[in-house]
Every structure is written in C-alpha cells, then in structure tokens.
Amino acid sequence: MGAQADGGIMAVIVQFLPIVAIFILFYFLLIRPQQKRAKEHQAAISAVKRGDTVVLGSGMIGKVTRVEEAEVNVEIAPSVNVRVVKAMIAEVRNRTAIAANDSKA
C-alpha cells in the first residue's frame, strides 16, 4: 500500500512539473522584463527637469519648460506651451544627443 501511495504522489508531481516550468519560463521571458522596463520608465519620468526634450504619447516632441508634481509644461512650438500629465511622457531624450543631431543637419 505504501508503494502505491509513493507512485501516485510521484505521478502527480510529474504531471504538474511542465505547468510549473511554463510559468517559470513566462516569468523570465515576459513578466520580469516588462517590470524592469516599467521601473526604468518611471525613473526617467520622475527625473524630468526643465530643458529636457521629451516625446509625448501622441508623438509630439517638445522641450520641458516647467515641472510640477504630476504635470509638466512642454513647449511644442515657439511660445506654444501645453500642460501634460507626466504619465503621458513616452520618452525622455538626452539633450546632448538632440544637439549632436541638429549640428549635422
């Protein structure tokens, strides 16, 4: 009777092993990289300062003119400022990289 119980437990473990392996694979290939990207994006948004060039969620590119707690003012054209919620900033570009590209043109 004891041998059957041990064989039954081993059979259950062997059946659930592929499911556990798939979950671990999904974690390392999908969940963990997404969490890492989200943390990096949040850090970039919280580090936004006046003078930074940002890309908004709509695709517009502008220069930050004022930073508040949850919003920033972005100049999208000469003397055209818009208030934007920080969460809608898609990318914070490096000022030196933008200047280097402008000097080539």
N, C-alpha and C. Protein backbone atom coordinates (compact mmCIF):
# COMPACT_ATOMS: atom_id res chain seq x y z
N MET A 1 0.82 -1.17 0.00
CA MET A 1 0.00 0.00 0.00
C MET A 1 0.88 1.25 0.00
N GLY A 2 1.96 1.26 0.74
CA GLY A 2 2.85 2.41 0.80
C GLY A 2 3.52 2.67 -0.54
N ALA A 3 3.84 1.61 -1.30
CA ALA A 3 4.49 1.78 -2.60
C ALA A 3 3.54 2.45 -3.59
N GLN A 4 2.25 2.12 -3.52
CA GLN A 4 1.28 2.75 -4.43
C GLN A 4 1.12 4.23 -4.11
N ALA A 5 1.13 4.58 -2.86
CA ALA A 5 0.97 5.98 -2.47
C ALA A 5 2.16 6.80 -2.96
N ASP A 6 3.36 6.25 -2.83
CA ASP A 6 4.54 6.96 -3.32
C ASP A 6 4.51 7.11 -4.83
N GLY A 7 4.10 6.11 -5.54
CA GLY A 7 4.00 6.18 -7.00
C GLY A 7 2.94 7.18 -7.43
N GLY A 8 1.84 7.27 -6.69
CA GLY A 8 0.78 8.22 -7.00
C GLY A 8 1.23 9.65 -6.82
N ILE A 9 1.98 9.90 -5.75
CA ILE A 9 2.48 11.24 -5.50
C ILE A 9 3.49 11.64 -6.57
N MET A 10 4.34 10.71 -6.94
CA MET A 10 5.32 11.00 -7.99
C MET A 10 4.63 11.27 -9.33
N ALA A 11 3.57 10.55 -9.61
CA ALA A 11 2.84 10.76 -10.86
C ALA A 11 2.20 12.14 -10.88
N VAL A 12 1.67 12.58 -9.75
CA VAL A 12 1.07 13.92 -9.68
C VAL A 12 2.15 14.99 -9.86
N ILE A 13 3.29 14.80 -9.24
CA ILE A 13 4.40 15.76 -9.38
C ILE A 13 4.86 15.83 -10.83
N VAL A 14 4.98 14.69 -11.48
CA VAL A 14 5.41 14.65 -12.88
C VAL A 14 4.38 15.32 -13.78
N GLN A 15 3.11 15.22 -13.46
CA GLN A 15 2.07 15.86 -14.27
C GLN A 15 2.11 17.38 -14.11
N PHE A 16 2.37 17.90 -12.93
CA PHE A 16 2.38 19.34 -12.70
C PHE A 16 3.71 20.01 -13.03
N LEU A 17 4.76 19.23 -13.20
CA LEU A 17 6.08 19.79 -13.49
C LEU A 17 6.10 20.63 -14.78
N PRO A 18 5.51 20.20 -15.89
CA PRO A 18 5.51 21.05 -17.09
C PRO A 18 4.76 22.37 -16.89
N ILE A 19 3.69 22.36 -16.13
CA ILE A 19 2.94 23.59 -15.88
C ILE A 19 3.79 24.57 -15.08
N VAL A 20 4.48 24.08 -14.08
CA VAL A 20 5.37 24.92 -13.27
C VAL A 20 6.51 25.45 -14.14
N ALA A 21 7.06 24.61 -15.00
CA ALA A 21 8.15 25.03 -15.87
C ALA A 21 7.69 26.12 -16.84
N ILE A 22 6.48 26.01 -17.37
CA ILE A 22 5.95 27.03 -18.27
C ILE A 22 5.76 28.35 -17.53
N PHE A 23 5.24 28.30 -16.31
CA PHE A 23 5.08 29.53 -15.52
C PHE A 23 6.42 30.20 -15.27
N ILE A 24 7.44 29.44 -14.93
CA ILE A 24 8.77 29.99 -14.69
C ILE A 24 9.32 30.61 -15.98
N LEU A 25 9.11 29.95 -17.10
CA LEU A 25 9.56 30.46 -18.39
C LEU A 25 8.85 31.78 -18.73
N PHE A 26 7.54 31.85 -18.54
CA PHE A 26 6.80 33.08 -18.77
C PHE A 26 7.30 34.20 -17.86
N TYR A 27 7.58 33.87 -16.63
CA TYR A 27 8.07 34.89 -15.70
C TYR A 27 9.36 35.51 -16.21
N PHE A 28 10.33 34.68 -16.60
CA PHE A 28 11.63 35.21 -17.01
C PHE A 28 11.62 35.82 -18.40
N LEU A 29 10.72 35.39 -19.28
CA LEU A 29 10.70 35.93 -20.64
C LEU A 29 9.72 37.08 -20.83
N LEU A 30 8.66 37.16 -20.04
CA LEU A 30 7.63 38.18 -20.25
C LEU A 30 7.46 39.12 -19.06
N ILE A 31 7.20 38.59 -17.91
CA ILE A 31 6.82 39.41 -16.75
C ILE A 31 8.00 40.22 -16.23
N ARG A 32 9.13 39.60 -16.01
CA ARG A 32 10.28 40.29 -15.43
C ARG A 32 10.81 41.41 -16.33
N PRO A 33 10.99 41.19 -17.64
CA PRO A 33 11.44 42.31 -18.48
C PRO A 33 10.45 43.47 -18.53
N GLN A 34 9.15 43.17 -18.50
CA GLN A 34 8.15 44.24 -18.51
C GLN A 34 8.21 45.06 -17.23
N GLN A 35 8.39 44.41 -16.10
CA GLN A 35 8.52 45.13 -14.84
C GLN A 35 9.78 45.99 -14.83
N LYS A 36 10.86 45.49 -15.41
CA LYS A 36 12.11 46.23 -15.47
C LYS A 36 11.93 47.49 -16.33
N ARG A 37 11.27 47.34 -17.50
CA ARG A 37 11.03 48.49 -18.37
C ARG A 37 10.13 49.52 -17.69
N ALA A 38 9.14 49.06 -16.96
CA ALA A 38 8.23 49.98 -16.26
C ALA A 38 8.98 50.76 -15.18
N LYS A 39 9.88 50.12 -14.45
CA LYS A 39 10.66 50.81 -13.43
C LYS A 39 11.60 51.84 -14.06
N GLU A 40 12.23 51.49 -15.19
CA GLU A 40 13.11 52.42 -15.87
C GLU A 40 12.34 53.63 -16.39
N HIS A 41 11.15 53.39 -16.94
CA HIS A 41 10.31 54.47 -17.45
C HIS A 41 9.88 55.39 -16.32
N GLN A 42 9.48 54.82 -15.20
CA GLN A 42 9.07 55.62 -14.05
C GLN A 42 10.23 56.46 -13.53
N ALA A 43 11.43 55.89 -13.50
CA ALA A 43 12.60 56.64 -13.05
C ALA A 43 12.92 57.79 -14.00
N ALA A 44 12.78 57.55 -15.30
CA ALA A 44 13.04 58.60 -16.29
C ALA A 44 12.03 59.72 -16.16
N ILE A 45 10.77 59.38 -15.94
CA ILE A 45 9.73 60.39 -15.81
C ILE A 45 9.93 61.21 -14.54
N SER A 46 10.28 60.57 -13.46
CA SER A 46 10.47 61.30 -12.20
C SER A 46 11.72 62.18 -12.24
N ALA A 47 12.67 61.89 -13.14
CA ALA A 47 13.89 62.67 -13.24
C ALA A 47 13.80 63.78 -14.28
N VAL A 48 12.63 64.00 -14.87
CA VAL A 48 12.46 65.05 -15.87
C VAL A 48 12.73 66.40 -15.24
N LYS A 49 13.49 67.22 -15.94
CA LYS A 49 13.79 68.56 -15.44
C LYS A 49 13.64 69.57 -16.57
N ARG A 50 13.65 70.82 -16.21
CA ARG A 50 13.49 71.89 -17.18
C ARG A 50 14.60 71.83 -18.22
N GLY A 51 14.24 71.95 -19.49
CA GLY A 51 15.22 71.91 -20.57
C GLY A 51 15.33 70.57 -21.25
N ASP A 52 14.79 69.51 -20.66
CA ASP A 52 14.82 68.19 -21.29
C ASP A 52 13.91 68.16 -22.51
N THR A 53 14.30 67.37 -23.49
CA THR A 53 13.46 67.14 -24.65
C THR A 53 12.70 65.84 -24.40
N VAL A 54 11.38 65.88 -24.59
CA VAL A 54 10.55 64.72 -24.32
C VAL A 54 9.69 64.39 -25.53
N VAL A 55 9.33 63.12 -25.64
CA VAL A 55 8.38 62.66 -26.65
C VAL A 55 7.11 62.30 -25.90
N LEU A 56 6.00 62.88 -26.32
CA LEU A 56 4.72 62.61 -25.67
C LEU A 56 4.07 61.37 -26.25
N GLY A 57 3.06 60.88 -25.58
CA GLY A 57 2.34 59.69 -26.03
C GLY A 57 1.70 59.88 -27.39
N SER A 58 1.41 61.11 -27.76
CA SER A 58 0.80 61.39 -29.06
C SER A 58 1.83 61.46 -30.18
N GLY A 59 3.11 61.44 -29.82
CA GLY A 59 4.17 61.51 -30.82
C GLY A 59 4.79 62.89 -30.94
N MET A 60 4.23 63.87 -30.27
CA MET A 60 4.79 65.22 -30.32
C MET A 60 6.08 65.28 -29.53
N ILE A 61 7.01 66.08 -30.04
CA ILE A 61 8.30 66.27 -29.38
C ILE A 61 8.34 67.72 -28.91
N GLY A 62 8.77 67.91 -27.67
CA GLY A 62 8.84 69.26 -27.14
C GLY A 62 9.90 69.38 -26.07
N LYS A 63 10.04 70.60 -25.60
CA LYS A 63 11.04 70.91 -24.57
C LYS A 63 10.31 71.27 -23.28
N VAL A 64 10.74 70.69 -22.18
CA VAL A 64 10.12 70.93 -20.88
C VAL A 64 10.47 72.34 -20.42
N THR A 65 9.44 73.12 -20.07
CA THR A 65 9.67 74.48 -19.60
C THR A 65 9.37 74.63 -18.12
N ARG A 66 8.54 73.76 -17.57
CA ARG A 66 8.18 73.83 -16.15
C ARG A 66 7.80 72.44 -15.66
N VAL A 67 8.25 72.10 -14.46
CA VAL A 67 7.95 70.79 -13.88
C VAL A 67 7.18 70.99 -12.59
N GLU A 68 6.06 70.29 -12.47
CA GLU A 68 5.26 70.31 -11.25
C GLU A 68 5.19 68.89 -10.71
N GLU A 69 4.36 68.69 -9.70
CA GLU A 69 4.24 67.38 -9.05
C GLU A 69 3.79 66.29 -10.02
N ALA A 70 2.66 66.51 -10.69
CA ALA A 70 2.09 65.48 -11.57
C ALA A 70 2.02 65.92 -13.02
N GLU A 71 2.40 67.16 -13.31
CA GLU A 71 2.30 67.70 -14.66
C GLU A 71 3.58 68.41 -15.04
N VAL A 72 3.77 68.58 -16.36
CA VAL A 72 4.87 69.38 -16.88
C VAL A 72 4.33 70.29 -17.97
N ASN A 73 4.95 71.43 -18.14
CA ASN A 73 4.64 72.29 -19.27
C ASN A 73 5.67 71.99 -20.35
N VAL A 74 5.18 71.74 -21.57
CA VAL A 74 6.05 71.38 -22.68
C VAL A 74 5.85 72.40 -23.79
N GLU A 75 6.95 72.94 -24.28
CA GLU A 75 6.90 73.87 -25.41
C GLU A 75 7.01 73.04 -26.68
N ILE A 76 5.92 73.00 -27.46
CA ILE A 76 5.89 72.18 -28.67
C ILE A 76 6.16 73.01 -29.92
N ALA A 77 6.09 74.33 -29.79
CA ALA A 77 6.43 75.27 -30.86
C ALA A 77 6.84 76.56 -30.16
N PRO A 78 7.49 77.46 -30.88
CA PRO A 78 7.88 78.72 -30.22
C PRO A 78 6.68 79.42 -29.58
N SER A 79 6.77 79.68 -28.30
CA SER A 79 5.74 80.30 -27.45
C SER A 79 4.40 79.58 -27.49
N VAL A 80 4.40 78.25 -27.68
CA VAL A 80 3.20 77.41 -27.56
C VAL A 80 3.49 76.37 -26.49
N ASN A 81 2.95 76.57 -25.30
CA ASN A 81 3.16 75.66 -24.18
C ASN A 81 1.89 74.88 -23.90
N VAL A 82 2.04 73.60 -23.62
CA VAL A 82 0.90 72.76 -23.25
C VAL A 82 1.21 72.09 -21.92
N ARG A 83 0.18 71.91 -21.11
CA ARG A 83 0.33 71.17 -19.85
C ARG A 83 0.09 69.70 -20.15
N VAL A 84 0.99 68.86 -19.68
CA VAL A 84 0.92 67.43 -19.95
C VAL A 84 1.06 66.67 -18.64
N VAL A 85 0.25 65.66 -18.47
CA VAL A 85 0.39 64.77 -17.31
C VAL A 85 1.68 63.96 -17.50
N LYS A 86 2.46 63.85 -16.45
CA LYS A 86 3.75 63.16 -16.54
C LYS A 86 3.64 61.74 -17.09
N ALA A 87 2.53 61.07 -16.78
CA ALA A 87 2.37 59.69 -17.23
C ALA A 87 2.27 59.58 -18.75
N MET A 88 1.97 60.69 -19.43
CA MET A 88 1.84 60.66 -20.89
C MET A 88 3.16 60.91 -21.61
N ILE A 89 4.24 61.06 -20.85
CA ILE A 89 5.56 61.19 -21.47
C ILE A 89 6.03 59.80 -21.84
N ALA A 90 6.28 59.60 -23.13
CA ALA A 90 6.70 58.29 -23.61
C ALA A 90 8.21 58.09 -23.51
N GLU A 91 8.96 59.17 -23.72
CA GLU A 91 10.42 59.05 -23.75
C GLU A 91 11.05 60.37 -23.33
N VAL A 92 12.14 60.28 -22.61
CA VAL A 92 12.92 61.46 -22.26
C VAL A 92 14.23 61.34 -23.04
N ARG A 93 14.44 62.30 -23.93
CA ARG A 93 15.64 62.27 -24.76
C ARG A 93 16.76 63.07 -24.13
N ASN A 94 17.96 62.64 -24.43
CA ASN A 94 19.15 63.31 -23.91
C ASN A 94 19.37 64.61 -24.68
N ARG A 95 19.61 65.70 -23.98
CA ARG A 95 19.79 67.00 -24.65
C ARG A 95 21.02 67.00 -25.54
N THR A 96 22.10 66.33 -25.15
CA THR A 96 23.32 66.33 -25.96
C THR A 96 23.12 65.53 -27.25
N ALA A 97 22.33 64.45 -27.18
CA ALA A 97 22.08 63.66 -28.39
C ALA A 97 21.27 64.46 -29.40
N ILE A 98 20.31 65.24 -28.94
CA ILE A 98 19.50 66.06 -29.83
C ILE A 98 20.38 67.15 -30.45
N ALA A 99 21.22 67.79 -29.66
CA ALA A 99 22.08 68.84 -30.16
C ALA A 99 23.07 68.30 -31.19
N ALA A 100 23.59 67.09 -30.97
CA ALA A 100 24.53 66.49 -31.89
C ALA A 100 23.86 66.22 -33.24
N ASN A 101 22.60 65.78 -33.22
CA ASN A 101 21.89 65.52 -34.46
C ASN A 101 21.58 66.82 -35.20
N ASP A 102 21.27 67.88 -34.46
CA ASP A 102 20.97 69.16 -35.10
C ASP A 102 22.20 69.76 -35.77
N SER A 103 23.38 69.54 -35.20
CA SER A 103 24.59 70.15 -35.78
C SER A 103 24.99 69.47 -37.08
N LYS A 104 24.58 68.23 -37.30
CA LYS A 104 24.91 67.51 -38.53
C LYS A 104 24.07 68.01 -39.70
N ALA A 105 22.85 68.49 -39.42
CA ALA A 105 21.93 68.88 -40.49
C ALA A 105 22.33 70.16 -41.17
